[in-house]
Amino acid sequence: MTMEKEITFSFNGKQYKGIAGHTIAAALFANGIRAIRKCEVTGEMRGVYCGIGHCYECRATINDVRNIRTCLTCLEDNMIIISESNLTIGEMQDES
């Protein structure tokens, strides 16, 4: 049996808890965050769509590196995750 290690990360300046090794997208979803960014063209909320890295809908800035796919990137302790479009708390919890 594997022990899951709880770690801390931030998303848009707010601290959250997650499980080390889970994807960033899974950690955000587990914390009630559904929208990760806004579409550059329409302004619609975007989040995880395909979950396998093909659609690029879940990208965010991770530790100052832009356009990282959160569905493919594993969560690490003290990661700093920023939405590509500075979402509000209400927008982050909306279904995308």
N, C-alpha and C. Protein backbone atom coordinates (compact mmCIF):
# COMPACT_ATOMS: atom_id res chain seq x y z
N MET A 1 0.84 -1.17 0.00
CA MET A 1 0.00 0.00 0.00
C MET A 1 0.89 1.24 0.00
N THR A 2 0.55 2.20 -0.84
CA THR A 2 1.33 3.42 -0.97
C THR A 2 0.78 4.51 -0.06
N MET A 3 1.68 5.23 0.57
CA MET A 3 1.28 6.36 1.41
C MET A 3 1.19 7.61 0.54
N GLU A 4 0.06 8.27 0.60
CA GLU A 4 -0.09 9.52 -0.14
C GLU A 4 0.41 10.67 0.72
N LYS A 5 1.24 11.52 0.13
CA LYS A 5 1.82 12.65 0.86
C LYS A 5 1.05 13.92 0.50
N GLU A 6 0.46 14.53 1.51
CA GLU A 6 -0.25 15.79 1.29
C GLU A 6 0.75 16.93 1.24
N ILE A 7 0.59 17.77 0.23
CA ILE A 7 1.49 18.91 0.04
C ILE A 7 0.68 20.18 -0.16
N THR A 8 1.37 21.30 -0.16
CA THR A 8 0.74 22.61 -0.35
C THR A 8 1.16 23.20 -1.69
N PHE A 9 0.22 23.86 -2.35
CA PHE A 9 0.52 24.59 -3.58
C PHE A 9 -0.35 25.83 -3.60
N SER A 10 -0.03 26.77 -4.47
CA SER A 10 -0.88 27.96 -4.59
C SER A 10 -1.43 28.06 -6.00
N PHE A 11 -2.65 28.55 -6.09
CA PHE A 11 -3.28 28.83 -7.37
C PHE A 11 -3.86 30.24 -7.28
N ASN A 12 -3.38 31.11 -8.16
CA ASN A 12 -3.79 32.51 -8.18
C ASN A 12 -3.68 33.16 -6.80
N GLY A 13 -2.58 32.82 -6.11
CA GLY A 13 -2.28 33.46 -4.84
C GLY A 13 -2.93 32.85 -3.61
N LYS A 14 -3.77 31.85 -3.78
CA LYS A 14 -4.45 31.21 -2.65
C LYS A 14 -3.83 29.84 -2.41
N GLN A 15 -3.62 29.49 -1.14
CA GLN A 15 -3.01 28.21 -0.77
C GLN A 15 -4.04 27.08 -0.79
N TYR A 16 -3.62 25.92 -1.31
CA TYR A 16 -4.45 24.72 -1.36
C TYR A 16 -3.61 23.53 -0.94
N LYS A 17 -4.29 22.42 -0.64
CA LYS A 17 -3.62 21.15 -0.34
C LYS A 17 -3.87 20.21 -1.51
N GLY A 18 -2.90 19.34 -1.76
CA GLY A 18 -3.04 18.33 -2.80
C GLY A 18 -2.20 17.13 -2.45
N ILE A 19 -2.24 16.13 -3.31
CA ILE A 19 -1.48 14.91 -3.11
C ILE A 19 -0.29 14.91 -4.07
N ALA A 20 0.90 14.75 -3.52
CA ALA A 20 2.12 14.71 -4.35
C ALA A 20 1.98 13.62 -5.40
N GLY A 21 2.32 13.96 -6.63
CA GLY A 21 2.28 12.99 -7.73
C GLY A 21 0.98 12.98 -8.51
N HIS A 22 -0.11 13.51 -7.93
CA HIS A 22 -1.33 13.65 -8.71
C HIS A 22 -1.11 14.77 -9.72
N THR A 23 -1.90 14.80 -10.77
CA THR A 23 -1.75 15.90 -11.72
C THR A 23 -2.25 17.19 -11.08
N ILE A 24 -1.74 18.29 -11.60
CA ILE A 24 -2.20 19.60 -11.13
C ILE A 24 -3.70 19.73 -11.38
N ALA A 25 -4.16 19.29 -12.54
CA ALA A 25 -5.59 19.37 -12.86
C ALA A 25 -6.42 18.62 -11.83
N ALA A 26 -5.98 17.43 -11.42
CA ALA A 26 -6.71 16.64 -10.42
C ALA A 26 -6.73 17.37 -9.08
N ALA A 27 -5.62 17.98 -8.71
CA ALA A 27 -5.54 18.71 -7.44
C ALA A 27 -6.47 19.92 -7.46
N LEU A 28 -6.51 20.63 -8.58
CA LEU A 28 -7.40 21.78 -8.69
C LEU A 28 -8.86 21.33 -8.61
N PHE A 29 -9.19 20.28 -9.33
CA PHE A 29 -10.55 19.74 -9.33
C PHE A 29 -10.96 19.30 -7.92
N ALA A 30 -10.05 18.63 -7.21
CA ALA A 30 -10.32 18.17 -5.85
C ALA A 30 -10.57 19.33 -4.89
N ASN A 31 -10.05 20.50 -5.23
CA ASN A 31 -10.25 21.70 -4.42
C ASN A 31 -11.41 22.57 -4.91
N GLY A 32 -12.22 22.03 -5.82
CA GLY A 32 -13.40 22.74 -6.29
C GLY A 32 -13.15 23.71 -7.42
N ILE A 33 -11.96 23.67 -8.00
CA ILE A 33 -11.63 24.59 -9.09
C ILE A 33 -11.89 23.89 -10.42
N ARG A 34 -12.80 24.42 -11.18
CA ARG A 34 -13.18 23.82 -12.46
C ARG A 34 -12.60 24.59 -13.65
N ALA A 35 -12.55 25.90 -13.55
CA ALA A 35 -12.03 26.73 -14.64
C ALA A 35 -10.59 27.11 -14.33
N ILE A 36 -9.72 26.92 -15.32
CA ILE A 36 -8.30 27.20 -15.14
C ILE A 36 -7.89 28.46 -15.89
N ARG A 37 -8.61 28.80 -16.94
CA ARG A 37 -8.26 29.97 -17.73
C ARG A 37 -9.48 30.44 -18.50
N LYS A 38 -9.34 31.58 -19.18
CA LYS A 38 -10.36 32.07 -20.10
C LYS A 38 -9.85 31.92 -21.52
N CYS A 39 -10.75 31.60 -22.44
CA CYS A 39 -10.40 31.53 -23.86
C CYS A 39 -9.96 32.91 -24.33
N GLU A 40 -8.86 32.95 -25.04
CA GLU A 40 -8.32 34.22 -25.53
C GLU A 40 -9.25 34.91 -26.52
N VAL A 41 -10.05 34.14 -27.24
CA VAL A 41 -10.91 34.69 -28.28
C VAL A 41 -12.30 35.05 -27.75
N THR A 42 -12.94 34.10 -27.06
CA THR A 42 -14.33 34.29 -26.64
C THR A 42 -14.50 34.76 -25.20
N GLY A 43 -13.47 34.58 -24.37
CA GLY A 43 -13.57 34.92 -22.96
C GLY A 43 -14.28 33.88 -22.12
N GLU A 44 -14.66 32.74 -22.75
CA GLU A 44 -15.33 31.67 -22.02
C GLU A 44 -14.35 30.96 -21.08
N MET A 45 -14.89 30.44 -19.97
CA MET A 45 -14.08 29.69 -19.02
C MET A 45 -13.61 28.37 -19.64
N ARG A 46 -12.39 28.00 -19.33
CA ARG A 46 -11.82 26.76 -19.83
C ARG A 46 -11.21 25.99 -18.67
N GLY A 47 -11.25 24.67 -18.78
CA GLY A 47 -10.66 23.78 -17.77
C GLY A 47 -10.21 22.51 -18.44
N VAL A 48 -10.23 21.42 -17.70
CA VAL A 48 -9.83 20.14 -18.27
C VAL A 48 -10.92 19.69 -19.24
N TYR A 49 -10.52 19.34 -20.45
CA TYR A 49 -11.47 18.87 -21.45
C TYR A 49 -11.15 17.42 -21.82
N CYS A 50 -9.97 17.19 -22.37
CA CYS A 50 -9.64 15.83 -22.80
C CYS A 50 -8.92 15.04 -21.71
N GLY A 51 -8.15 15.70 -20.88
CA GLY A 51 -7.43 15.04 -19.80
C GLY A 51 -6.21 14.25 -20.22
N ILE A 52 -5.83 14.35 -21.51
CA ILE A 52 -4.66 13.61 -22.00
C ILE A 52 -3.66 14.50 -22.72
N GLY A 53 -3.81 15.80 -22.57
CA GLY A 53 -2.83 16.73 -23.12
C GLY A 53 -3.01 17.12 -24.57
N HIS A 54 -4.06 16.64 -25.22
CA HIS A 54 -4.24 16.91 -26.64
C HIS A 54 -4.87 18.28 -26.91
N CYS A 55 -5.78 18.71 -26.06
CA CYS A 55 -6.57 19.91 -26.38
C CYS A 55 -5.97 21.23 -25.89
N TYR A 56 -5.08 21.19 -24.94
CA TYR A 56 -4.43 22.39 -24.39
C TYR A 56 -5.40 23.35 -23.68
N GLU A 57 -6.57 22.89 -23.32
CA GLU A 57 -7.54 23.76 -22.64
C GLU A 57 -7.17 24.03 -21.19
N CYS A 58 -6.34 23.17 -20.59
CA CYS A 58 -6.06 23.26 -19.15
C CYS A 58 -4.73 23.95 -18.84
N ARG A 59 -4.21 24.70 -19.76
CA ARG A 59 -2.87 25.26 -19.52
C ARG A 59 -2.89 26.42 -18.52
N ALA A 60 -1.76 26.51 -17.81
CA ALA A 60 -1.58 27.54 -16.79
C ALA A 60 -0.09 27.87 -16.72
N THR A 61 0.23 28.90 -15.97
CA THR A 61 1.63 29.24 -15.71
C THR A 61 2.05 28.51 -14.43
N ILE A 62 3.10 27.70 -14.53
CA ILE A 62 3.59 26.91 -13.40
C ILE A 62 5.01 27.37 -13.08
N ASN A 63 5.20 27.87 -11.87
CA ASN A 63 6.53 28.35 -11.45
C ASN A 63 7.17 29.24 -12.52
N ASP A 64 6.41 30.19 -13.01
CA ASP A 64 6.85 31.19 -14.00
C ASP A 64 7.05 30.66 -15.42
N VAL A 65 6.63 29.43 -15.70
CA VAL A 65 6.70 28.89 -17.06
C VAL A 65 5.27 28.85 -17.61
N ARG A 66 5.05 29.58 -18.69
CA ARG A 66 3.70 29.70 -19.27
C ARG A 66 3.30 28.49 -20.10
N ASN A 67 1.98 28.35 -20.26
CA ASN A 67 1.37 27.36 -21.15
C ASN A 67 1.71 25.91 -20.82
N ILE A 68 1.72 25.58 -19.55
CA ILE A 68 1.95 24.20 -19.11
C ILE A 68 0.59 23.51 -19.01
N ARG A 69 0.49 22.31 -19.56
CA ARG A 69 -0.76 21.54 -19.49
C ARG A 69 -0.89 20.91 -18.10
N THR A 70 -1.90 21.33 -17.37
CA THR A 70 -2.07 20.86 -15.99
C THR A 70 -2.52 19.41 -15.91
N CYS A 71 -3.09 18.89 -16.98
CA CYS A 71 -3.54 17.49 -16.96
C CYS A 71 -2.38 16.51 -17.12
N LEU A 72 -1.22 16.99 -17.54
CA LEU A 72 -0.05 16.12 -17.74
C LEU A 72 1.04 16.35 -16.70
N THR A 73 0.96 17.43 -15.96
CA THR A 73 2.04 17.83 -15.05
C THR A 73 1.71 17.42 -13.62
N CYS A 74 2.64 16.71 -12.99
CA CYS A 74 2.43 16.25 -11.61
C CYS A 74 2.64 17.38 -10.62
N LEU A 75 1.81 17.39 -9.61
CA LEU A 75 1.88 18.38 -8.54
C LEU A 75 3.11 18.14 -7.67
N GLU A 76 3.79 19.23 -7.34
CA GLU A 76 4.95 19.19 -6.45
C GLU A 76 4.74 20.19 -5.33
N ASP A 77 5.39 19.94 -4.20
CA ASP A 77 5.25 20.81 -3.04
C ASP A 77 5.65 22.25 -3.37
N ASN A 78 4.84 23.17 -2.91
CA ASN A 78 5.08 24.61 -3.05
C ASN A 78 5.04 25.12 -4.49
N MET A 79 4.40 24.40 -5.40
CA MET A 79 4.24 24.90 -6.76
C MET A 79 3.41 26.18 -6.74
N ILE A 80 3.77 27.08 -7.63
CA ILE A 80 3.01 28.32 -7.81
C ILE A 80 2.33 28.23 -9.17
N ILE A 81 1.01 28.15 -9.14
CA ILE A 81 0.22 27.98 -10.34
C ILE A 81 -0.63 29.23 -10.53
N ILE A 82 -0.59 29.78 -11.72
CA ILE A 82 -1.35 31.00 -12.01
C ILE A 82 -2.15 30.77 -13.28
N SER A 83 -3.44 31.11 -13.24
CA SER A 83 -4.25 30.98 -14.44
C SER A 83 -3.71 31.92 -15.50
N GLU A 84 -3.92 31.56 -16.73
CA GLU A 84 -3.42 32.37 -17.84
C GLU A 84 -4.18 33.69 -17.97
N SER A 85 -5.28 33.84 -17.20
CA SER A 85 -6.10 35.03 -17.39
C SER A 85 -6.63 35.61 -16.09
N ASN A 86 -5.96 35.36 -14.97
CA ASN A 86 -6.32 35.96 -13.68
C ASN A 86 -7.80 35.82 -13.34
N LEU A 87 -8.26 34.59 -13.18
CA LEU A 87 -9.66 34.33 -12.86
C LEU A 87 -9.99 34.73 -11.43
N THR A 88 -11.24 35.12 -11.21
CA THR A 88 -11.71 35.39 -9.86
C THR A 88 -12.09 34.06 -9.20
N ILE A 89 -12.28 34.06 -7.88
CA ILE A 89 -12.67 32.84 -7.17
C ILE A 89 -13.98 32.29 -7.74
N GLY A 90 -14.96 33.12 -7.97
CA GLY A 90 -16.23 32.68 -8.54
C GLY A 90 -16.07 32.05 -9.91
N GLU A 91 -15.24 32.63 -10.74
CA GLU A 91 -15.01 32.09 -12.08
C GLU A 91 -14.30 30.74 -12.01
N MET A 92 -13.37 30.57 -11.07
CA MET A 92 -12.62 29.32 -10.97
C MET A 92 -13.53 28.16 -10.59
N GLN A 93 -14.62 28.44 -9.87
CA GLN A 93 -15.51 27.39 -9.42
C GLN A 93 -16.62 27.10 -10.41
N ASP A 94 -16.77 27.92 -11.44
CA ASP A 94 -17.77 27.68 -12.48
C ASP A 94 -17.41 26.44 -13.27
N GLU A 95 -18.43 25.77 -13.77
CA GLU A 95 -18.19 24.66 -14.69
C GLU A 95 -17.67 25.24 -16.00
N SER A 96 -16.67 24.58 -16.59
CA SER A 96 -16.15 25.06 -17.87
C SER A 96 -16.58 24.16 -18.98
